[in-house]
Amino acid sequence: MDKKLEQLFYFALGSALAVKEKLEKNGEEMKEWQKKAEDNAKEHFDDLAQRGEQEKESFKQMMTDILKDVVADLDLATKADLEKLKKDMGN
């Protein structure tokens, strides 16, 4: 009977150690996966920020063109129109 009890004890100890090793291995795999996910997220964020920076001038030019069209459609005086009027009134 003592032999069976001893075998049961060693079986339980071996099982516990196997579970511990499996958990440690899974923990390391999770750390690696998390690191890769963080690196991928940072790379994606950096790519989007760089793309936004590249499109900045294009967007600025597009907004300038839209504002010029709005000023023209509303028949508002431009800076050039005011300068010309100033010049004409001065003569």
PDB file of N, CA and C in Angstrom:
ATOM      1  N   MET A   1       0.825  -1.195   0.000  1.00  0.00           N
ATOM      2  CA  MET A   1       0.000   0.000   0.000  1.00  0.00           C
ATOM      3  C   MET A   1       0.862   1.248   0.000  1.00  0.00           C
ATOM      4  N   ASP A   2       1.969   1.207   0.767  1.00  0.00           N
ATOM      5  CA  ASP A   2       2.849   2.367   0.811  1.00  0.00           C
ATOM      6  C   ASP A   2       3.457   2.644  -0.560  1.00  0.00           C
ATOM      7  N   LYS A   3       3.713   1.587  -1.297  1.00  0.00           N
ATOM      8  CA  LYS A   3       4.295   1.740  -2.633  1.00  0.00           C
ATOM      9  C   LYS A   3       3.313   2.483  -3.545  1.00  0.00           C
ATOM     10  N   LYS A   4       2.036   2.122  -3.472  1.00  0.00           N
ATOM     11  CA  LYS A   4       1.007   2.781  -4.282  1.00  0.00           C
ATOM     12  C   LYS A   4       0.865   4.249  -3.885  1.00  0.00           C
ATOM     13  N   LEU A   5       0.912   4.532  -2.614  1.00  0.00           N
ATOM     14  CA  LEU A   5       0.809   5.898  -2.120  1.00  0.00           C
ATOM     15  C   LEU A   5       2.009   6.724  -2.590  1.00  0.00           C
ATOM     16  N   GLU A   6       3.178   6.107  -2.546  1.00  0.00           N
ATOM     17  CA  GLU A   6       4.389   6.787  -3.012  1.00  0.00           C
ATOM     18  C   GLU A   6       4.308   7.064  -4.515  1.00  0.00           C
ATOM     19  N   GLN A   7       3.805   6.086  -5.272  1.00  0.00           N
ATOM     20  CA  GLN A   7       3.649   6.270  -6.718  1.00  0.00           C
ATOM     21  C   GLN A   7       2.639   7.382  -7.008  1.00  0.00           C
ATOM     22  N   LEU A   8       1.553   7.406  -6.245  1.00  0.00           N
ATOM     23  CA  LEU A   8       0.540   8.450  -6.410  1.00  0.00           C
ATOM     24  C   LEU A   8       1.132   9.823  -6.112  1.00  0.00           C
ATOM     25  N   PHE A   9       1.946   9.906  -5.067  1.00  0.00           N
ATOM     26  CA  PHE A   9       2.602  11.168  -4.720  1.00  0.00           C
ATOM     27  C   PHE A   9       3.507  11.632  -5.863  1.00  0.00           C
ATOM     28  N   TYR A  10       4.330  10.729  -6.387  1.00  0.00           N
ATOM     29  CA  TYR A  10       5.241  11.093  -7.478  1.00  0.00           C
ATOM     30  C   TYR A  10       4.473  11.431  -8.761  1.00  0.00           C
ATOM     31  N   PHE A  11       3.356  10.731  -8.982  1.00  0.00           N
ATOM     32  CA  PHE A  11       2.514  11.048 -10.132  1.00  0.00           C
ATOM     33  C   PHE A  11       1.964  12.472 -10.007  1.00  0.00           C
ATOM     34  N   ALA A  12       1.466  12.814  -8.837  1.00  0.00           N
ATOM     35  CA  ALA A  12       0.918  14.155  -8.605  1.00  0.00           C
ATOM     36  C   ALA A  12       2.012  15.212  -8.730  1.00  0.00           C
ATOM     37  N   LEU A  13       3.185  14.918  -8.186  1.00  0.00           N
ATOM     38  CA  LEU A  13       4.299  15.855  -8.277  1.00  0.00           C
ATOM     39  C   LEU A  13       4.733  16.048  -9.732  1.00  0.00           C
ATOM     40  N   GLY A  14       4.846  14.955 -10.462  1.00  0.00           N
ATOM     41  CA  GLY A  14       5.216  15.033 -11.878  1.00  0.00           C
ATOM     42  C   GLY A  14       4.183  15.803 -12.685  1.00  0.00           C
ATOM     43  N   SER A  15       2.915  15.547 -12.403  1.00  0.00           N
ATOM     44  CA  SER A  15       1.838  16.264 -13.101  1.00  0.00           C
ATOM     45  C   SER A  15       1.893  17.755 -12.804  1.00  0.00           C
ATOM     46  N   ALA A  16       2.115  18.094 -11.552  1.00  0.00           N
ATOM     47  CA  ALA A  16       2.198  19.507 -11.169  1.00  0.00           C
ATOM     48  C   ALA A  16       3.371  20.185 -11.863  1.00  0.00           C
ATOM     49  N   LEU A  17       4.504  19.506 -11.941  1.00  0.00           N
ATOM     50  CA  LEU A  17       5.670  20.079 -12.623  1.00  0.00           C
ATOM     51  C   LEU A  17       5.422  20.228 -14.124  1.00  0.00           C
ATOM     52  N   ALA A  18       4.735  19.254 -14.711  1.00  0.00           N
ATOM     53  CA  ALA A  18       4.415  19.335 -16.138  1.00  0.00           C
ATOM     54  C   ALA A  18       3.489  20.523 -16.410  1.00  0.00           C
ATOM     55  N   VAL A  19       2.500  20.705 -15.540  1.00  0.00           N
ATOM     56  CA  VAL A  19       1.582  21.842 -15.688  1.00  0.00           C
ATOM     57  C   VAL A  19       2.344  23.149 -15.519  1.00  0.00           C
ATOM     58  N   LYS A  20       3.233  23.199 -14.543  1.00  0.00           N
ATOM     59  CA  LYS A  20       4.032  24.411 -14.307  1.00  0.00           C
ATOM     60  C   LYS A  20       4.864  24.751 -15.541  1.00  0.00           C
ATOM     61  N   GLU A  21       5.533  23.751 -16.117  1.00  0.00           N
ATOM     62  CA  GLU A  21       6.352  23.983 -17.312  1.00  0.00           C
ATOM     63  C   GLU A  21       5.498  24.461 -18.479  1.00  0.00           C
ATOM     64  N   LYS A  22       4.325  23.855 -18.637  1.00  0.00           N
ATOM     65  CA  LYS A  22       3.424  24.252 -19.725  1.00  0.00           C
ATOM     66  C   LYS A  22       2.966  25.700 -19.537  1.00  0.00           C
ATOM     67  N   LEU A  23       2.633  26.076 -18.313  1.00  0.00           N
ATOM     68  CA  LEU A  23       2.212  27.451 -18.038  1.00  0.00           C
ATOM     69  C   LEU A  23       3.345  28.438 -18.294  1.00  0.00           C
ATOM     70  N   GLU A  24       4.557  28.073 -17.891  1.00  0.00           N
ATOM     71  CA  GLU A  24       5.704  28.954 -18.137  1.00  0.00           C
ATOM     72  C   GLU A  24       5.946  29.113 -19.632  1.00  0.00           C
ATOM     73  N   LYS A  25       5.850  28.015 -20.369  1.00  0.00           N
ATOM     74  CA  LYS A  25       6.048  28.067 -21.822  1.00  0.00           C
ATOM     75  C   LYS A  25       4.981  28.949 -22.465  1.00  0.00           C
ATOM     76  N   ASN A  26       3.723  28.747 -22.061  1.00  0.00           N
ATOM     77  CA  ASN A  26       2.636  29.561 -22.605  1.00  0.00           C
ATOM     78  C   ASN A  26       2.807  31.026 -22.228  1.00  0.00           C
ATOM     79  N   GLY A  27       3.304  31.278 -21.023  1.00  0.00           N
ATOM     80  CA  GLY A  27       3.548  32.658 -20.594  1.00  0.00           C
ATOM     81  C   GLY A  27       4.593  33.326 -21.467  1.00  0.00           C
ATOM     82  N   GLU A  28       5.652  32.604 -21.785  1.00  0.00           N
ATOM     83  CA  GLU A  28       6.696  33.152 -22.658  1.00  0.00           C
ATOM     84  C   GLU A  28       6.149  33.400 -24.061  1.00  0.00           C
ATOM     85  N   GLU A  29       5.344  32.460 -24.557  1.00  0.00           N
ATOM     86  CA  GLU A  29       4.740  32.635 -25.881  1.00  0.00           C
ATOM     87  C   GLU A  29       3.827  33.854 -25.898  1.00  0.00           C
ATOM     88  N   MET A  30       3.082  34.057 -24.820  1.00  0.00           N
ATOM     89  CA  MET A  30       2.199  35.224 -24.738  1.00  0.00           C
ATOM     90  C   MET A  30       3.004  36.519 -24.703  1.00  0.00           C
ATOM     91  N   LYS A  31       4.128  36.514 -23.993  1.00  0.00           N
ATOM     92  CA  LYS A  31       4.982  37.703 -23.952  1.00  0.00           C
ATOM     93  C   LYS A  31       5.517  38.022 -25.344  1.00  0.00           C
ATOM     94  N   GLU A  32       5.949  36.984 -26.070  1.00  0.00           N
ATOM     95  CA  GLU A  32       6.456  37.189 -27.428  1.00  0.00           C
ATOM     96  C   GLU A  32       5.352  37.716 -28.336  1.00  0.00           C
ATOM     97  N   TRP A  33       4.141  37.131 -28.221  1.00  0.00           N
ATOM     98  CA  TRP A  33       3.018  37.573 -29.042  1.00  0.00           C
ATOM     99  C   TRP A  33       2.670  39.024 -28.720  1.00  0.00           C
ATOM    100  N   GLN A  34       2.661  39.370 -27.439  1.00  0.00           N
ATOM    101  CA  GLN A  34       2.344  40.739 -27.032  1.00  0.00           C
ATOM    102  C   GLN A  34       3.377  41.714 -27.585  1.00  0.00           C
ATOM    103  N   LYS A  35       4.650  41.345 -27.524  1.00  0.00           N
ATOM    104  CA  LYS A  35       5.718  42.202 -28.043  1.00  0.00           C
ATOM    105  C   LYS A  35       5.537  42.420 -29.540  1.00  0.00           C
ATOM    106  N   LYS A  36       5.243  41.345 -30.268  1.00  0.00           N
ATOM    107  CA  LYS A  36       5.025  41.463 -31.713  1.00  0.00           C
ATOM    108  C   LYS A  36       3.817  42.351 -32.005  1.00  0.00           C
ATOM    109  N   ALA A  37       2.746  42.179 -31.231  1.00  0.00           N
ATOM    110  CA  ALA A  37       1.542  42.991 -31.430  1.00  0.00           C
ATOM    111  C   ALA A  37       1.836  44.465 -31.168  1.00  0.00           C
ATOM    112  N   GLU A  38       2.598  44.755 -30.129  1.00  0.00           N
ATOM    113  CA  GLU A  38       2.961  46.143 -29.824  1.00  0.00           C
ATOM    114  C   GLU A  38       3.831  46.728 -30.932  1.00  0.00           C
ATOM    115  N   ASP A  39       4.788  45.938 -31.418  1.00  0.00           N
ATOM    116  CA  ASP A  39       5.654  46.409 -32.501  1.00  0.00           C
ATOM    117  C   ASP A  39       4.847  46.680 -33.769  1.00  0.00           C
ATOM    118  N   ASN A  40       3.911  45.775 -34.084  1.00  0.00           N
ATOM    119  CA  ASN A  40       3.071  45.962 -35.267  1.00  0.00           C
ATOM    120  C   ASN A  40       2.190  47.200 -35.128  1.00  0.00           C
ATOM    121  N   ALA A  41       1.629  47.409 -33.948  1.00  0.00           N
ATOM    122  CA  ALA A  41       0.778  48.581 -33.722  1.00  0.00           C
ATOM    123  C   ALA A  41       1.591  49.867 -33.852  1.00  0.00           C
ATOM    124  N   LYS A  42       2.798  49.883 -33.297  1.00  0.00           N
ATOM    125  CA  LYS A  42       3.649  51.070 -33.390  1.00  0.00           C
ATOM    126  C   LYS A  42       4.029  51.342 -34.840  1.00  0.00           C
ATOM    127  N   GLU A  43       4.373  50.286 -35.568  1.00  0.00           N
ATOM    128  CA  GLU A  43       4.738  50.445 -36.977  1.00  0.00           C
ATOM    129  C   GLU A  43       3.557  50.983 -37.781  1.00  0.00           C
ATOM    130  N   HIS A  44       2.362  50.450 -37.514  1.00  0.00           N
ATOM    131  CA  HIS A  44       1.160  50.908 -38.216  1.00  0.00           C
ATOM    132  C   HIS A  44       0.876  52.376 -37.887  1.00  0.00           C
ATOM    133  N   PHE A  45       0.988  52.737 -36.619  1.00  0.00           N
ATOM    134  CA  PHE A  45       0.773  54.121 -36.204  1.00  0.00           C
ATOM    135  C   PHE A  45       1.771  55.049 -36.888  1.00  0.00           C
ATOM    136  N   ASP A  46       3.046  54.651 -36.904  1.00  0.00           N
ATOM    137  CA  ASP A  46       4.083  55.467 -37.542  1.00  0.00           C
ATOM    138  C   ASP A  46       3.816  55.632 -39.035  1.00  0.00           C
ATOM    139  N   ASP A  47       3.375  54.554 -39.688  1.00  0.00           N
ATOM    140  CA  ASP A  47       3.053  54.624 -41.115  1.00  0.00           C
ATOM    141  C   ASP A  47       1.912  55.608 -41.373  1.00  0.00           C
ATOM    142  N   LEU A  48       0.880  55.542 -40.539  1.00  0.00           N
ATOM    143  CA  LEU A  48      -0.256  56.451 -40.714  1.00  0.00           C
ATOM    144  C   LEU A  48       0.141  57.899 -40.446  1.00  0.00           C
ATOM    145  N   ALA A  49       0.969  58.116 -39.440  1.00  0.00           N
ATOM    146  CA  ALA A  49       1.429  59.475 -39.137  1.00  0.00           C
ATOM    147  C   ALA A  49       2.258  60.020 -40.293  1.00  0.00           C
ATOM    148  N   GLN A  50       3.116  59.184 -40.860  1.00  0.00           N
ATOM    149  CA  GLN A  50       3.944  59.616 -41.987  1.00  0.00           C
ATOM    150  C   GLN A  50       3.066  59.912 -43.206  1.00  0.00           C
ATOM    151  N   ARG A  51       2.071  59.078 -43.439  1.00  0.00           N
ATOM    152  CA  ARG A  51       1.158  59.303 -44.568  1.00  0.00           C
ATOM    153  C   ARG A  51       0.395  60.617 -44.382  1.00  0.00           C
ATOM    154  N   GLY A  52      -0.044  60.875 -43.161  1.00  0.00           N
ATOM    155  CA  GLY A  52      -0.743  62.125 -42.877  1.00  0.00           C
ATOM    156  C   GLY A  52       0.149  63.328 -43.116  1.00  0.00           C
ATOM    157  N   GLU A  53       1.405  63.220 -42.717  1.00  0.00           N
ATOM    158  CA  GLU A  53       2.362  64.310 -42.930  1.00  0.00           C
ATOM    159  C   GLU A  53       2.571  64.560 -44.423  1.00  0.00           C
ATOM    160  N   GLN A  54       2.629  63.473 -45.199  1.00  0.00           N
ATOM    161  CA  GLN A  54       2.827  63.605 -46.640  1.00  0.00           C
ATOM    162  C   GLN A  54       1.623  64.263 -47.312  1.00  0.00           C
ATOM    163  N   GLU A  55       0.433  64.003 -46.807  1.00  0.00           N
ATOM    164  CA  GLU A  55      -0.786  64.541 -47.407  1.00  0.00           C
ATOM    165  C   GLU A  55      -1.107  65.954 -46.920  1.00  0.00           C
ATOM    166  N   LYS A  56      -0.349  66.442 -45.958  1.00  0.00           N
ATOM    167  CA  LYS A  56      -0.615  67.749 -45.352  1.00  0.00           C
ATOM    168  C   LYS A  56      -0.644  68.861 -46.401  1.00  0.00           C
ATOM    169  N   GLU A  57       0.374  68.942 -47.238  1.00  0.00           N
ATOM    170  CA  GLU A  57       0.443  70.003 -48.247  1.00  0.00           C
ATOM    171  C   GLU A  57      -0.670  69.870 -49.275  1.00  0.00           C
ATOM    172  N   SER A  58      -0.961  68.640 -49.666  1.00  0.00           N
ATOM    173  CA  SER A  58      -2.042  68.410 -50.622  1.00  0.00           C
ATOM    174  C   SER A  58      -3.373  68.885 -50.042  1.00  0.00           C
ATOM    175  N   PHE A  59      -3.619  68.566 -48.778  1.00  0.00           N
ATOM    176  CA  PHE A  59      -4.847  68.983 -48.115  1.00  0.00           C
ATOM    177  C   PHE A  59      -4.908  70.505 -47.997  1.00  0.00           C
ATOM    178  N   LYS A  60      -3.781  71.106 -47.643  1.00  0.00           N
ATOM    179  CA  LYS A  60      -3.715  72.564 -47.504  1.00  0.00           C
ATOM    180  C   LYS A  60      -4.037  73.241 -48.839  1.00  0.00           C
ATOM    181  N   GLN A  61      -3.476  72.719 -49.924  1.00  0.00           N
ATOM    182  CA  GLN A  61      -3.733  73.287 -51.250  1.00  0.00           C
ATOM    183  C   GLN A  61      -5.199  73.109 -51.634  1.00  0.00           C
ATOM    184  N   MET A  62      -5.763  71.943 -51.326  1.00  0.00           N
ATOM    185  CA  MET A  62      -7.164  71.690 -51.639  1.00  0.00           C
ATOM    186  C   MET A  62      -8.063  72.669 -50.880  1.00  0.00           C
ATOM    187  N   MET A  63      -7.776  72.920 -49.602  1.00  0.00           N
ATOM    188  CA  MET A  63      -8.579  73.854 -48.821  1.00  0.00           C
ATOM    189  C   MET A  63      -8.442  75.278 -49.356  1.00  0.00           C
ATOM    190  N   THR A  64      -7.237  75.654 -49.777  1.00  0.00           N
ATOM    191  CA  THR A  64      -7.023  76.981 -50.359  1.00  0.00           C
ATOM    192  C   THR A  64      -7.859  77.144 -51.621  1.00  0.00           C
ATOM    193  N   ASP A  65      -7.853  76.127 -52.468  1.00  0.00           N
ATOM    194  CA  ASP A  65      -8.639  76.180 -53.703  1.00  0.00           C
ATOM    195  C   ASP A  65     -10.132  76.285 -53.408  1.00  0.00           C
ATOM    196  N   ILE A  66     -10.597  75.534 -52.423  1.00  0.00           N
ATOM    197  CA  ILE A  66     -12.015  75.590 -52.057  1.00  0.00           C
ATOM    198  C   ILE A  66     -12.374  76.978 -51.545  1.00  0.00           C
ATOM    199  N   LEU A  67     -11.535  77.547 -50.694  1.00  0.00           N
ATOM    200  CA  LEU A  67     -11.813  78.884 -50.166  1.00  0.00           C
ATOM    201  C   LEU A  67     -11.806  79.934 -51.271  1.00  0.00           C
ATOM    202  N   LYS A  68     -10.894  79.802 -52.227  1.00  0.00           N
ATOM    203  CA  LYS A  68     -10.878  80.736 -53.358  1.00  0.00           C
ATOM    204  C   LYS A  68     -12.169  80.631 -54.153  1.00  0.00           C
ATOM    205  N   ASP A  69     -12.655  79.407 -54.356  1.00  0.00           N
ATOM    206  CA  ASP A  69     -13.917  79.219 -55.072  1.00  0.00           C
ATOM    207  C   ASP A  69     -15.079  79.835 -54.308  1.00  0.00           C
ATOM    208  N   VAL A  70     -15.092  79.670 -52.988  1.00  0.00           N
ATOM    209  CA  VAL A  70     -16.167  80.239 -52.166  1.00  0.00           C
ATOM    210  C   VAL A  70     -16.125  81.761 -52.237  1.00  0.00           C
ATOM    211  N   VAL A  71     -14.942  82.338 -52.130  1.00  0.00           N
ATOM    212  CA  VAL A  71     -14.799  83.796 -52.218  1.00  0.00           C
ATOM    213  C   VAL A  71     -15.283  84.285 -53.575  1.00  0.00           C
ATOM    214  N   ALA A  72     -14.923  83.558 -54.629  1.00  0.00           N
ATOM    215  CA  ALA A  72     -15.356  83.950 -55.979  1.00  0.00           C
ATOM    216  C   ALA A  72     -16.869  83.805 -56.122  1.00  0.00           C
ATOM    217  N   ASP A  73     -17.433  82.717 -55.610  1.00  0.00           N
ATOM    218  CA  ASP A  73     -18.881  82.495 -55.710  1.00  0.00           C
ATOM    219  C   ASP A  73     -19.669  83.543 -54.937  1.00  0.00           C
ATOM    220  N   LEU A  74     -19.145  83.981 -53.806  1.00  0.00           N
ATOM    221  CA  LEU A  74     -19.836  84.985 -52.999  1.00  0.00           C
ATOM    222  C   LEU A  74     -19.526  86.401 -53.468  1.00  0.00           C
ATOM    223  N   ASP A  75     -18.669  86.493 -54.458  1.00  0.00           N
ATOM    224  CA  ASP A  75     -18.272  87.777 -55.036  1.00  0.00           C
ATOM    225  C   ASP A  75     -17.691  88.704 -53.964  1.00  0.00           C
ATOM    226  N   LEU A  76     -16.846  88.126 -53.094  1.00  0.00           N
ATOM    227  CA  LEU A  76     -16.189  88.903 -52.051  1.00  0.00           C
ATOM    228  C   LEU A  76     -14.926  89.547 -52.606  1.00  0.00           C
ATOM    229  N   ALA A  77     -14.558  90.670 -52.031  1.00  0.00           N
ATOM    230  CA  ALA A  77     -13.337  91.350 -52.457  1.00  0.00           C
ATOM    231  C   ALA A  77     -12.126  90.582 -51.936  1.00  0.00           C
ATOM    232  N   THR A  78     -11.148  90.432 -52.810  1.00  0.00           N
ATOM    233  CA  THR A  78      -9.908  89.762 -52.419  1.00  0.00           C
ATOM    234  C   THR A  78      -8.890  90.812 -52.003  1.00  0.00           C
ATOM    235  N   LYS A  79      -7.785  90.346 -51.482  1.00  0.00           N
ATOM    236  CA  LYS A  79      -6.706  91.246 -51.095  1.00  0.00           C
ATOM    237  C   LYS A  79      -6.229  92.033 -52.315  1.00  0.00           C
ATOM    238  N   ALA A  80      -6.127  91.356 -53.445  1.00  0.00           N
ATOM    239  CA  ALA A  80      -5.697  92.025 -54.679  1.00  0.00           C
ATOM    240  C   ALA A  80      -6.710  93.090 -55.093  1.00  0.00           C
ATOM    241  N   ASP A  81      -8.008  92.781 -54.946  1.00  0.00           N
ATOM    242  CA  ASP A  81      -9.048  93.761 -55.281  1.00  0.00           C
ATOM    243  C   ASP A  81      -8.932  94.999 -54.394  1.00  0.00           C
ATOM    244  N   LEU A  82      -8.699  94.793 -53.107  1.00  0.00           N
ATOM    245  CA  LEU A  82      -8.583  95.916 -52.180  1.00  0.00           C
ATOM    246  C   LEU A  82      -7.341  96.752 -52.472  1.00  0.00           C
ATOM    247  N   GLU A  83      -6.236  96.100 -52.802  1.00  0.00           N
ATOM    248  CA  GLU A  83      -5.012  96.828 -53.157  1.00  0.00           C
ATOM    249  C   GLU A  83      -5.237  97.673 -54.408  1.00  0.00           C
ATOM    250  N   LYS A  84      -5.932  97.101 -55.395  1.00  0.00           N
ATOM    251  CA  LYS A  84      -6.216  97.842 -56.634  1.00  0.00           C
ATOM    252  C   LYS A  84      -7.104  99.044 -56.336  1.00  0.00           C
ATOM    253  N   LEU A  85      -8.112  98.848 -55.493  1.00  0.00           N
ATOM    254  CA  LEU A  85      -9.013  99.940 -55.130  1.00  0.00           C
ATOM    255  C   LEU A  85      -8.252 101.040 -54.398  1.00  0.00           C
ATOM    256  N   LYS A  86      -7.380 100.640 -53.490  1.00  0.00           N
ATOM    257  CA  LYS A  86      -6.557 101.603 -52.766  1.00  0.00           C
ATOM    258  C   LYS A  86      -5.702 102.410 -53.732  1.00  0.00           C
ATOM    259  N   LYS A  87      -5.116 101.704 -54.683  1.00  0.00           N
ATOM    260  CA  LYS A  87      -4.252 102.356 -55.666  1.00  0.00           C
ATOM    261  C   LYS A  87      -5.066 103.317 -56.534  1.00  0.00           C
ATOM    262  N   ASP A  88      -6.248 102.873 -56.969  1.00  0.00           N
ATOM    263  CA  ASP A  88      -7.105 103.718 -57.808  1.00  0.00           C
ATOM    264  C   ASP A  88      -7.587 104.956 -57.050  1.00  0.00           C
ATOM    265  N   MET A  89      -7.869 104.831 -55.774  1.00  0.00           N
ATOM    266  CA  MET A  89      -8.347 105.963 -54.988  1.00  0.00           C
ATOM    267  C   MET A  89      -7.214 106.935 -54.677  1.00  0.00           C
ATOM    268  N   GLY A  90      -6.016 106.429 -54.641  1.00  0.00           N
ATOM    269  CA  GLY A  90      -4.861 107.274 -54.351  1.00  0.00           C
ATOM    270  C   GLY A  90      -4.508 108.160 -55.528  1.00  0.00           C
ATOM    271  N   ASN A  91      -4.837 107.779 -56.721  1.00  0.00           N
ATOM    272  CA  ASN A  91      -4.478 108.562 -57.919  1.00  0.00           C
ATOM    273  C   ASN A  91      -5.422 109.639 -58.162  1.00  0.00           C
TER     274      ASN A  91
END
